[in-house]
PDB file of N, CA and C in Angstrom:
ATOM      1  N   UNK A   1      84.451  55.823  94.106  1.00  0.00           N
ATOM      2  CA  UNK A   1      84.495  56.819  95.165  1.00  0.00           C
ATOM      3  C   UNK A   1      83.092  57.196  95.637  1.00  0.00           C
ATOM      4  N   UNK A   2      82.151  57.280  94.711  1.00  0.00           N
ATOM      5  CA  UNK A   2      80.815  57.719  95.123  1.00  0.00           C
ATOM      6  C   UNK A   2      80.166  56.726  96.071  1.00  0.00           C
ATOM      7  N   UNK A   3      80.471  55.456  95.947  1.00  0.00           N
ATOM      8  CA  UNK A   3      79.935  54.473  96.887  1.00  0.00           C
ATOM      9  C   UNK A   3      80.491  54.724  98.284  1.00  0.00           C
ATOM     10  N   UNK A   4      81.764  55.089  98.371  1.00  0.00           N
ATOM     11  CA  UNK A   4      82.382  55.359  99.676  1.00  0.00           C
ATOM     12  C   UNK A   4      81.762  56.588 100.343  1.00  0.00           C
ATOM     13  N   UNK A   5      81.240  57.517  99.545  1.00  0.00           N
ATOM     14  CA  UNK A   5      80.597  58.711 100.122  1.00  0.00           C
ATOM     15  C   UNK A   5      79.353  58.345 100.907  1.00  0.00           C
ATOM     16  N   UNK A   6      78.759  57.203 100.586  1.00  0.00           N
ATOM     17  CA  UNK A   6      77.530  56.771 101.256  1.00  0.00           C
ATOM     18  C   UNK A   6      77.803  55.784 102.380  1.00  0.00           C
ATOM     19  N   UNK A   7      79.059  55.511 102.643  1.00  0.00           N
ATOM     20  CA  UNK A   7      79.450  54.547 103.664  1.00  0.00           C
ATOM     21  C   UNK A   7      79.053  55.025 105.062  1.00  0.00           C
ATOM     22  N   UNK A   8      78.801  54.076 105.940  1.00  0.00           N
ATOM     23  CA  UNK A   8      78.543  54.394 107.346  1.00  0.00           C
ATOM     24  C   UNK A   8      79.846  54.761 108.066  1.00  0.00           C
ATOM     25  N   UNK A   9      80.971  54.405 107.470  1.00  0.00           N
ATOM     26  CA  UNK A   9      82.283  54.629 108.068  1.00  0.00           C
ATOM     27  C   UNK A   9      82.768  56.058 107.762  1.00  0.00           C
ATOM     28  N   UNK A  10      82.959  56.849 108.827  1.00  0.00           N
ATOM     29  CA  UNK A  10      83.432  58.229 108.658  1.00  0.00           C
ATOM     30  C   UNK A  10      84.727  58.298 107.872  1.00  0.00           C
ATOM     31  N   UNK A  11      85.666  57.427 108.196  1.00  0.00           N
ATOM     32  CA  UNK A  11      86.962  57.451 107.512  1.00  0.00           C
ATOM     33  C   UNK A  11      86.809  57.207 106.015  1.00  0.00           C
ATOM     34  N   UNK A  12      85.891  56.332 105.642  1.00  0.00           N
ATOM     35  CA  UNK A  12      85.666  56.064 104.216  1.00  0.00           C
ATOM     36  C   UNK A  12      85.118  57.310 103.530  1.00  0.00           C
ATOM     37  N   UNK A  13      84.177  57.997 104.184  1.00  0.00           N
ATOM     38  CA  UNK A  13      83.617  59.221 103.599  1.00  0.00           C
ATOM     39  C   UNK A  13      84.680  60.309 103.506  1.00  0.00           C
ATOM     40  N   UNK A  14      85.481  60.449 104.552  1.00  0.00           N
ATOM     41  CA  UNK A  14      86.553  61.448 104.562  1.00  0.00           C
ATOM     42  C   UNK A  14      87.544  61.174 103.437  1.00  0.00           C
ATOM     43  N   UNK A  15      88.004  59.931 103.337  1.00  0.00           N
ATOM     44  CA  UNK A  15      88.981  59.575 102.297  1.00  0.00           C
ATOM     45  C   UNK A  15      88.409  59.787 100.897  1.00  0.00           C
ATOM     46  N   UNK A  16      87.133  59.476 100.707  1.00  0.00           N
ATOM     47  CA  UNK A  16      86.515  59.668  99.401  1.00  0.00           C
ATOM     48  C   UNK A  16      86.481  61.158  99.040  1.00  0.00           C
ATOM     49  N   UNK A  17      86.148  61.996 100.016  1.00  0.00           N
ATOM     50  CA  UNK A  17      86.136  63.449  99.767  1.00  0.00           C
ATOM     51  C   UNK A  17      87.525  63.947  99.368  1.00  0.00           C
ATOM     52  N   UNK A  18      88.532  63.478 100.066  1.00  0.00           N
ATOM     53  CA  UNK A  18      89.908  63.894  99.774  1.00  0.00           C
ATOM     54  C   UNK A  18      90.303  63.464  98.365  1.00  0.00           C
ATOM     55  N   UNK A  19      89.997  62.235  98.010  1.00  0.00           N
ATOM     56  CA  UNK A  19      90.360  61.729  96.685  1.00  0.00           C
ATOM     57  C   UNK A  19      89.605  62.476  95.589  1.00  0.00           C
ATOM     58  N   UNK A  20      88.340  62.787  95.828  1.00  0.00           N
ATOM     59  CA  UNK A  20      87.570  63.531  94.833  1.00  0.00           C
ATOM     60  C   UNK A  20      88.113  64.949  94.689  1.00  0.00           C
ATOM     61  N   UNK A  21      88.535  65.546  95.796  1.00  0.00           N
ATOM     62  CA  UNK A  21      89.129  66.886  95.734  1.00  0.00           C
ATOM     63  C   UNK A  21      90.396  66.855  94.882  1.00  0.00           C
ATOM     64  N   UNK A  22      91.193  65.811  95.041  1.00  0.00           N
ATOM     65  CA  UNK A  22      92.425  65.681  94.254  1.00  0.00           C
ATOM     66  C   UNK A  22      92.109  65.569  92.764  1.00  0.00           C
ATOM     67  N   UNK A  23      90.981  64.954  92.440  1.00  0.00           N
ATOM     68  CA  UNK A  23      90.605  64.766  91.043  1.00  0.00           C
ATOM     69  C   UNK A  23      90.111  66.069  90.408  1.00  0.00           C
ATOM     70  N   UNK A  24      89.756  67.040  91.232  1.00  0.00           N
ATOM     71  CA  UNK A  24      89.322  68.338  90.729  1.00  0.00           C
ATOM     72  C   UNK A  24      88.121  68.234  89.804  1.00  0.00           C
ATOM     73  N   UNK A  25      88.135  68.972  88.699  1.00  0.00           N
ATOM     74  CA  UNK A  25      87.001  68.978  87.770  1.00  0.00           C
ATOM     75  C   UNK A  25      86.621  67.595  87.238  1.00  0.00           C
ATOM     76  N   UNK A  26      87.572  66.667  87.222  1.00  0.00           N
ATOM     77  CA  UNK A  26      87.274  65.312  86.757  1.00  0.00           C
ATOM     78  C   UNK A  26      86.303  64.580  87.681  1.00  0.00           C
ATOM     79  N   UNK A  27      86.118  65.104  88.906  1.00  0.00           N
ATOM     80  CA  UNK A  27      85.214  64.465  89.863  1.00  0.00           C
ATOM     81  C   UNK A  27      83.789  64.998  89.755  1.00  0.00           C
ATOM     82  N   UNK A  28      83.500  65.776  88.734  1.00  0.00           N
ATOM     83  CA  UNK A  28      82.163  66.368  88.569  1.00  0.00           C
ATOM     84  C   UNK A  28      81.022  65.349  88.658  1.00  0.00           C
ATOM     85  N   UNK A  29      81.187  64.117  88.184  1.00  0.00           N
ATOM     86  CA  UNK A  29      80.086  63.160  88.311  1.00  0.00           C
ATOM     87  C   UNK A  29      79.699  62.857  89.771  1.00  0.00           C
ATOM     88  N   UNK A  30      80.544  63.180  90.712  1.00  0.00           N
ATOM     89  CA  UNK A  30      80.269  62.895  92.126  1.00  0.00           C
ATOM     90  C   UNK A  30      79.543  64.032  92.844  1.00  0.00           C
ATOM     91  N   UNK A  31      79.273  65.129  92.158  1.00  0.00           N
ATOM     92  CA  UNK A  31      78.677  66.305  92.814  1.00  0.00           C
ATOM     93  C   UNK A  31      77.397  65.950  93.556  1.00  0.00           C
ATOM     94  N   UNK A  32      76.490  65.243  92.897  1.00  0.00           N
ATOM     95  CA  UNK A  32      75.209  64.920  93.541  1.00  0.00           C
ATOM     96  C   UNK A  32      75.390  63.999  94.753  1.00  0.00           C
ATOM     97  N   UNK A  33      76.450  63.244  94.796  1.00  0.00           N
ATOM     98  CA  UNK A  33      76.728  62.397  95.963  1.00  0.00           C
ATOM     99  C   UNK A  33      77.416  63.175  97.078  1.00  0.00           C
ATOM    100  N   UNK A  34      78.101  64.259  96.737  1.00  0.00           N
ATOM    101  CA  UNK A  34      78.772  65.082  97.749  1.00  0.00           C
ATOM    102  C   UNK A  34      77.784  66.000  98.486  1.00  0.00           C
ATOM    103  N   UNK A  35      76.777  66.478  97.800  1.00  0.00           N
ATOM    104  CA  UNK A  35      75.854  67.455  98.395  1.00  0.00           C
ATOM    105  C   UNK A  35      75.240  66.967  99.712  1.00  0.00           C
ATOM    106  N   UNK A  36      74.740  65.717  99.810  1.00  0.00           N
ATOM    107  CA  UNK A  36      74.180  65.281 101.088  1.00  0.00           C
ATOM    108  C   UNK A  36      75.189  65.292 102.250  1.00  0.00           C
ATOM    109  N   UNK A  37      76.480  65.156 101.923  1.00  0.00           N
ATOM    110  CA  UNK A  37      77.496  65.156 102.979  1.00  0.00           C
ATOM    111  C   UNK A  37      77.676  66.537 103.605  1.00  0.00           C
ATOM    112  N   UNK A  38      77.148  67.557 102.976  1.00  0.00           N
ATOM    113  CA  UNK A  38      77.228  68.901 103.551  1.00  0.00           C
ATOM    114  C   UNK A  38      76.393  69.002 104.825  1.00  0.00           C
ATOM    115  N   UNK A  39      75.537  67.995 105.060  1.00  0.00           N
ATOM    116  CA  UNK A  39      74.715  67.965 106.278  1.00  0.00           C
ATOM    117  C   UNK A  39      75.127  66.820 107.202  1.00  0.00           C
ATOM    118  N   UNK A  40      76.285  66.248 106.967  1.00  0.00           N
ATOM    119  CA  UNK A  40      76.785  65.137 107.787  1.00  0.00           C
ATOM    120  C   UNK A  40      76.931  65.576 109.238  1.00  0.00           C
ATOM    121  N   UNK A  41      76.824  64.635 110.150  1.00  0.00           N
ATOM    122  CA  UNK A  41      76.992  64.939 111.578  1.00  0.00           C
ATOM    123  C   UNK A  41      78.426  65.303 111.930  1.00  0.00           C
ATOM    124  N   UNK A  42      79.370  64.788 111.163  1.00  0.00           N
ATOM    125  CA  UNK A  42      80.791  65.006 111.439  1.00  0.00           C
ATOM    126  C   UNK A  42      81.262  66.283 110.726  1.00  0.00           C
ATOM    127  N   UNK A  43      81.757  67.274 111.485  1.00  0.00           N
ATOM    128  CA  UNK A  43      82.204  68.507 110.844  1.00  0.00           C
ATOM    129  C   UNK A  43      83.360  68.297 109.868  1.00  0.00           C
ATOM    130  N   UNK A  44      84.185  67.294 110.095  1.00  0.00           N
ATOM    131  CA  UNK A  44      85.290  67.022 109.174  1.00  0.00           C
ATOM    132  C   UNK A  44      84.740  66.571 107.827  1.00  0.00           C
ATOM    133  N   UNK A  45      83.713  65.742 107.849  1.00  0.00           N
ATOM    134  CA  UNK A  45      83.089  65.292 106.602  1.00  0.00           C
ATOM    135  C   UNK A  45      82.449  66.485 105.894  1.00  0.00           C
ATOM    136  N   UNK A  46      81.740  67.332 106.632  1.00  0.00           N
ATOM    137  CA  UNK A  46      81.116  68.516 106.022  1.00  0.00           C
ATOM    138  C   UNK A  46      82.168  69.411 105.377  1.00  0.00           C
ATOM    139  N   UNK A  47      83.260  69.648 106.107  1.00  0.00           N
ATOM    140  CA  UNK A  47      84.322  70.524 105.598  1.00  0.00           C
ATOM    141  C   UNK A  47      84.958  69.949 104.343  1.00  0.00           C
ATOM    142  N   UNK A  48      85.245  68.651 104.362  1.00  0.00           N
ATOM    143  CA  UNK A  48      85.906  68.034 103.209  1.00  0.00           C
ATOM    144  C   UNK A  48      84.972  67.892 102.009  1.00  0.00           C
ATOM    145  N   UNK A  49      83.683  67.721 102.256  1.00  0.00           N
ATOM    146  CA  UNK A  49      82.724  67.700 101.141  1.00  0.00           C
ATOM    147  C   UNK A  49      82.684  69.073 100.487  1.00  0.00           C
ATOM    148  N   UNK A  50      82.669  70.123 101.305  1.00  0.00           N
ATOM    149  CA  UNK A  50      82.698  71.491 100.764  1.00  0.00           C
ATOM    150  C   UNK A  50      84.002  71.723 100.013  1.00  0.00           C
ATOM    151  N   UNK A  51      85.094  71.232 100.565  1.00  0.00           N
ATOM    152  CA  UNK A  51      86.402  71.375  99.906  1.00  0.00           C
ATOM    153  C   UNK A  51      86.391  70.691  98.540  1.00  0.00           C
ATOM    154  N   UNK A  52      85.894  69.456  98.494  1.00  0.00           N
ATOM    155  CA  UNK A  52      85.862  68.716  97.228  1.00  0.00           C
ATOM    156  C   UNK A  52      85.021  69.461  96.195  1.00  0.00           C
ATOM    157  N   UNK A  53      83.877  69.989  96.623  1.00  0.00           N
ATOM    158  CA  UNK A  53      83.030  70.740  95.688  1.00  0.00           C
ATOM    159  C   UNK A  53      83.759  71.967  95.166  1.00  0.00           C
ATOM    160  N   UNK A  54      84.491  72.642  96.030  1.00  0.00           N
ATOM    161  CA  UNK A  54      85.259  73.803  95.609  1.00  0.00           C
ATOM    162  C   UNK A  54      86.356  73.441  94.636  1.00  0.00           C
ATOM    163  N   UNK A  55      86.987  72.299  94.856  1.00  0.00           N
ATOM    164  CA  UNK A  55      88.057  71.848  93.961  1.00  0.00           C
ATOM    165  C   UNK A  55      87.500  71.415  92.605  1.00  0.00           C
ATOM    166  N   UNK A  56      86.283  70.929  92.591  1.00  0.00           N
ATOM    167  CA  UNK A  56      85.643  70.569  91.323  1.00  0.00           C
ATOM    168  C   UNK A  56      85.386  71.837  90.516  1.00  0.00           C
ATOM    169  N   UNK A  57      85.044  72.903  91.214  1.00  0.00           N
ATOM    170  CA  UNK A  57      84.905  74.199  90.557  1.00  0.00           C
ATOM    171  C   UNK A  57      83.504  74.531  90.082  1.00  0.00           C
ATOM    172  N   UNK A  58      83.391  75.334  89.029  1.00  0.00           N
ATOM    173  CA  UNK A  58      82.096  75.835  88.558  1.00  0.00           C
ATOM    174  C   UNK A  58      81.049  74.762  88.266  1.00  0.00           C
ATOM    175  N   UNK A  59      81.459  73.567  87.957  1.00  0.00           N
ATOM    176  CA  UNK A  59      80.484  72.490  87.723  1.00  0.00           C
ATOM    177  C   UNK A  59      79.676  72.180  88.980  1.00  0.00           C
ATOM    178  N   UNK A  60      80.179  72.625  90.143  1.00  0.00           N
ATOM    179  CA  UNK A  60      79.501  72.377  91.419  1.00  0.00           C
ATOM    180  C   UNK A  60      78.378  73.371  91.710  1.00  0.00           C
ATOM    181  N   UNK A  61      77.990  74.173  90.735  1.00  0.00           N
ATOM    182  CA  UNK A  61      76.933  75.164  90.970  1.00  0.00           C
ATOM    183  C   UNK A  61      75.644  74.570  91.543  1.00  0.00           C
ATOM    184  N   UNK A  62      75.272  73.322  91.236  1.00  0.00           N
ATOM    185  CA  UNK A  62      74.072  72.766  91.865  1.00  0.00           C
ATOM    186  C   UNK A  62      74.171  72.683  93.400  1.00  0.00           C
ATOM    187  N   UNK A  63      75.387  72.754  93.935  1.00  0.00           N
ATOM    188  CA  UNK A  63      75.587  72.682  95.384  1.00  0.00           C
ATOM    189  C   UNK A  63      75.501  74.043  96.064  1.00  0.00           C
ATOM    190  N   UNK A  64      75.397  75.120  95.294  1.00  0.00           N
ATOM    191  CA  UNK A  64      75.422  76.467  95.887  1.00  0.00           C
ATOM    192  C   UNK A  64      74.362  76.689  96.963  1.00  0.00           C
ATOM    193  N   UNK A  65      73.099  76.304  96.762  1.00  0.00           N
ATOM    194  CA  UNK A  65      72.121  76.537  97.839  1.00  0.00           C
ATOM    195  C   UNK A  65      72.508  75.837  99.148  1.00  0.00           C
ATOM    196  N   UNK A  66      72.961  74.597  99.060  1.00  0.00           N
ATOM    197  CA  UNK A  66      73.355  73.860 100.264  1.00  0.00           C
ATOM    198  C   UNK A  66      74.591  74.479 100.903  1.00  0.00           C
ATOM    199  N   UNK A  67      75.529  74.925 100.091  1.00  0.00           N
ATOM    200  CA  UNK A  67      76.732  75.566 100.631  1.00  0.00           C
ATOM    201  C   UNK A  67      76.378  76.878 101.332  1.00  0.00           C
ATOM    202  N   UNK A  68      75.495  77.658 100.744  1.00  0.00           N
ATOM    203  CA  UNK A  68      75.123  78.930 101.368  1.00  0.00           C
ATOM    204  C   UNK A  68      74.428  78.711 102.711  1.00  0.00           C
ATOM    205  N   UNK A  69      73.661  77.627 102.833  1.00  0.00           N
ATOM    206  CA  UNK A  69      73.049  77.287 104.119  1.00  0.00           C
ATOM    207  C   UNK A  69      74.126  77.014 105.169  1.00  0.00           C
ATOM    208  N   UNK A  70      75.261  76.504 104.727  1.00  0.00           N
ATOM    209  CA  UNK A  70      76.335  76.139 105.660  1.00  0.00           C
ATOM    210  C   UNK A  70      77.087  77.348 106.215  1.00  0.00           C
ATOM    211  N   UNK A  71      76.809  78.523 105.721  1.00  0.00           N
ATOM    212  CA  UNK A  71      77.483  79.713 106.253  1.00  0.00           C
ATOM    213  C   UNK A  71      77.127  79.948 107.717  1.00  0.00           C
ATOM    214  N   UNK A  72      76.098  79.249 108.190  1.00  0.00           N
ATOM    215  CA  UNK A  72      75.700  79.343 109.597  1.00  0.00           C
ATOM    216  C   UNK A  72      76.137  78.123 110.399  1.00  0.00           C
ATOM    217  N   UNK A  73      77.012  77.309 109.844  1.00  0.00           N
ATOM    218  CA  UNK A  73      77.479  76.106 110.531  1.00  0.00           C
ATOM    219  C   UNK A  73      78.128  76.484 111.862  1.00  0.00           C
ATOM    220  N   UNK A  74      77.980  75.621 112.838  1.00  0.00           N
ATOM    221  CA  UNK A  74      78.541  75.891 114.167  1.00  0.00           C
ATOM    222  C   UNK A  74      80.057  75.719 114.217  1.00  0.00           C
ATOM    223  N   UNK A  75      80.634  75.065 113.225  1.00  0.00           N
ATOM    224  CA  UNK A  75      82.076  74.819 113.197  1.00  0.00           C
ATOM    225  C   UNK A  75      82.772  75.882 112.348  1.00  0.00           C
ATOM    226  N   UNK A  76      83.668  76.617 112.946  1.00  0.00           N
ATOM    227  CA  UNK A  76      84.365  77.720 112.278  1.00  0.00           C
ATOM    228  C   UNK A  76      85.150  77.257 111.049  1.00  0.00           C
ATOM    229  N   UNK A  77      85.815  76.111 111.156  1.00  0.00           N
ATOM    230  CA  UNK A  77      86.600  75.605 110.030  1.00  0.00           C
ATOM    231  C   UNK A  77      85.705  75.239 108.851  1.00  0.00           C
ATOM    232  N   UNK A  78      84.520  74.735 109.146  1.00  0.00           N
ATOM    233  CA  UNK A  78      83.574  74.414 108.084  1.00  0.00           C
ATOM    234  C   UNK A  78      83.170  75.696 107.359  1.00  0.00           C
ATOM    235  N   UNK A  79      82.844  76.734 108.115  1.00  0.00           N
ATOM    236  CA  UNK A  79      82.424  78.009 107.518  1.00  0.00           C
ATOM    237  C   UNK A  79      83.551  78.595 106.660  1.00  0.00           C
ATOM    238  N   UNK A  80      84.767  78.546 107.167  1.00  0.00           N
ATOM    239  CA  UNK A  80      85.901  79.069 106.399  1.00  0.00           C
ATOM    240  C   UNK A  80      86.042  78.325 105.072  1.00  0.00           C
ATOM    241  N   UNK A  81      85.892  76.994 105.114  1.00  0.00           N
ATOM    242  CA  UNK A  81      86.010  76.209 103.883  1.00  0.00           C
ATOM    243  C   UNK A  81      84.857  76.515 102.938  1.00  0.00           C
ATOM    244  N   UNK A  82      83.663  76.680 103.482  1.00  0.00           N
ATOM    245  CA  UNK A  82      82.504  76.990 102.642  1.00  0.00           C
ATOM    246  C   UNK A  82      82.722  78.311 101.906  1.00  0.00           C
ATOM    247  N   UNK A  83      83.227  79.315 102.597  1.00  0.00           N
ATOM    248  CA  UNK A  83      83.500  80.611 101.958  1.00  0.00           C
ATOM    249  C   UNK A  83      84.484  80.424 100.807  1.00  0.00           C
ATOM    250  N   UNK A  84      85.546  79.682 101.037  1.00  0.00           N
ATOM    251  CA  UNK A  84      86.542  79.435  99.986  1.00  0.00           C
ATOM    252  C   UNK A  84      85.937  78.655  98.819  1.00  0.00           C
ATOM    253  N   UNK A  85      85.107  77.680  99.130  1.00  0.00           N
ATOM    254  CA  UNK A  85      84.483  76.880  98.072  1.00  0.00           C
ATOM    255  C   UNK A  85      83.513  77.714  97.251  1.00  0.00           C
ATOM    256  N   UNK A  86      82.740  78.559  97.927  1.00  0.00           N
ATOM    257  CA  UNK A  86      81.813  79.435  97.203  1.00  0.00           C
ATOM    258  C   UNK A  86      82.573  80.327  96.227  1.00  0.00           C
ATOM    259  N   UNK A  87      83.704  80.832  96.652  1.00  0.00           N
ATOM    260  CA  UNK A  87      84.529  81.685  95.778  1.00  0.00           C
ATOM    261  C   UNK A  87      85.059  80.897  94.580  1.00  0.00           C
ATOM    262  N   UNK A  88      85.401  79.634  94.790  1.00  0.00           N
ATOM    263  CA  UNK A  88      85.921  78.804  93.693  1.00  0.00           C
ATOM    264  C   UNK A  88      84.832  78.426  92.697  1.00  0.00           C
ATOM    265  N   UNK A  89      83.644  78.168  93.211  1.00  0.00           N
ATOM    266  CA  UNK A  89      82.553  77.702  92.361  1.00  0.00           C
ATOM    267  C   UNK A  89      81.916  78.855  91.593  1.00  0.00           C
ATOM    268  N   UNK A  90      81.711  79.972  92.280  1.00  0.00           N
ATOM    269  CA  UNK A  90      80.996  81.100  91.677  1.00  0.00           C
ATOM    270  C   UNK A  90      81.632  82.414  92.128  1.00  0.00           C
ATOM    271  N   UNK A  91      82.799  82.756  91.562  1.00  0.00           N
ATOM    272  CA  UNK A  91      83.522  83.951  92.017  1.00  0.00           C
ATOM    273  C   UNK A  91      82.702  85.245  91.962  1.00  0.00           C
ATOM    274  N   UNK A  92      81.914  85.418  90.923  1.00  0.00           N
ATOM    275  CA  UNK A  92      81.136  86.651  90.801  1.00  0.00           C
ATOM    276  C   UNK A  92      79.957  86.660  91.768  1.00  0.00           C
ATOM    277  N   UNK A  93      79.304  85.533  91.915  1.00  0.00           N
ATOM    278  CA  UNK A  93      78.124  85.457  92.778  1.00  0.00           C
ATOM    279  C   UNK A  93      78.439  85.378  94.253  1.00  0.00           C
ATOM    280  N   UNK A  94      79.699  85.150  94.595  1.00  0.00           N
ATOM    281  CA  UNK A  94      80.047  85.001  96.010  1.00  0.00           C
ATOM    282  C   UNK A  94      80.636  86.272  96.600  1.00  0.00           C
ATOM    283  N   UNK A  95      80.534  87.365  95.893  1.00  0.00           N
ATOM    284  CA  UNK A  95      81.124  88.601  96.407  1.00  0.00           C
ATOM    285  C   UNK A  95      80.497  89.021  97.734  1.00  0.00           C
ATOM    286  N   UNK A  96      79.253  88.626  97.971  1.00  0.00           N
ATOM    287  CA  UNK A  96      78.605  88.991  99.234  1.00  0.00           C
ATOM    288  C   UNK A  96      79.068  88.143 100.410  1.00  0.00           C
ATOM    289  N   UNK A  97      79.825  87.081 100.186  1.00  0.00           N
ATOM    290  CA  UNK A  97      80.319  86.268 101.300  1.00  0.00           C
ATOM    291  C   UNK A  97      81.739  86.662 101.692  1.00  0.00           C
ATOM    292  N   UNK A  98      82.328  87.576 100.991  1.00  0.00           N
ATOM    293  CA  UNK A  98      83.716  87.922 101.282  1.00  0.00           C
ATOM    294  C   UNK A  98      83.878  88.614 102.627  1.00  0.00           C
ATOM    295  N   UNK A  99      82.811  89.196 103.136  1.00  0.00           N
ATOM    296  CA  UNK A  99      82.910  89.916 104.396  1.00  0.00           C
ATOM    297  C   UNK A  99      82.337  89.135 105.572  1.00  0.00           C
ATOM    298  N   UNK A 100      82.148  87.848 105.403  1.00  0.00           N
ATOM    299  CA  UNK A 100      81.635  87.018 106.490  1.00  0.00           C
ATOM    300  C   UNK A 100      82.659  86.981 107.598  1.00  0.00           C
ATOM    301  N   UNK A 101      82.199  87.153 108.812  1.00  0.00           N
ATOM    302  CA  UNK A 101      83.092  87.101 109.970  1.00  0.00           C
ATOM    303  C   UNK A 101      83.191  85.672 110.454  1.00  0.00           C
ATOM    304  N   UNK A 102      84.366  85.071 110.301  1.00  0.00           N
ATOM    305  CA  UNK A 102      84.550  83.687 110.730  1.00  0.00           C
ATOM    306  C   UNK A 102      85.469  83.622 111.942  1.00  0.00           C
ATOM    307  N   UNK A 103      85.602  84.725 112.627  1.00  0.00           N
ATOM    308  CA  UNK A 103      86.454  84.721 113.820  1.00  0.00           C
ATOM    309  C   UNK A 103      85.708  84.057 114.973  1.00  0.00           C
ATOM    310  N   UNK A 104      86.463  83.550 115.914  1.00  0.00           N
ATOM    311  CA  UNK A 104      85.850  82.907 117.065  1.00  0.00           C
ATOM    312  C   UNK A 104      85.350  83.993 118.018  1.00  0.00           C
ATOM    313  N   UNK A 105      84.268  83.681 118.735  1.00  0.00           N
ATOM    314  CA  UNK A 105      83.716  84.685 119.661  1.00  0.00           C
ATOM    315  C   UNK A 105      84.629  84.955 120.848  1.00  0.00           C
TER     316      UNK A 105
END
């Protein structure tokens, strides 16, 4: 799966994120490969990478700085997923993101 995360093909990266999310904590070895996808050009890839990290759970703490940067993402769905992932990874440390406004302007 980690090789697919580096693919030039968007669908391959998307599918890899989905499969890693399904694996949950067992996908922890892929964390370092998921982090760069948080800056992908495709918002779907960014959202699903954040989702996979959230599903992996507390082991994804190395991704917290990159996830917090994404709270300013231009895509509303990405921001919503990032908030949920932050809560899954670090419930106590994410209390300050609970009041983020993700409504459309």
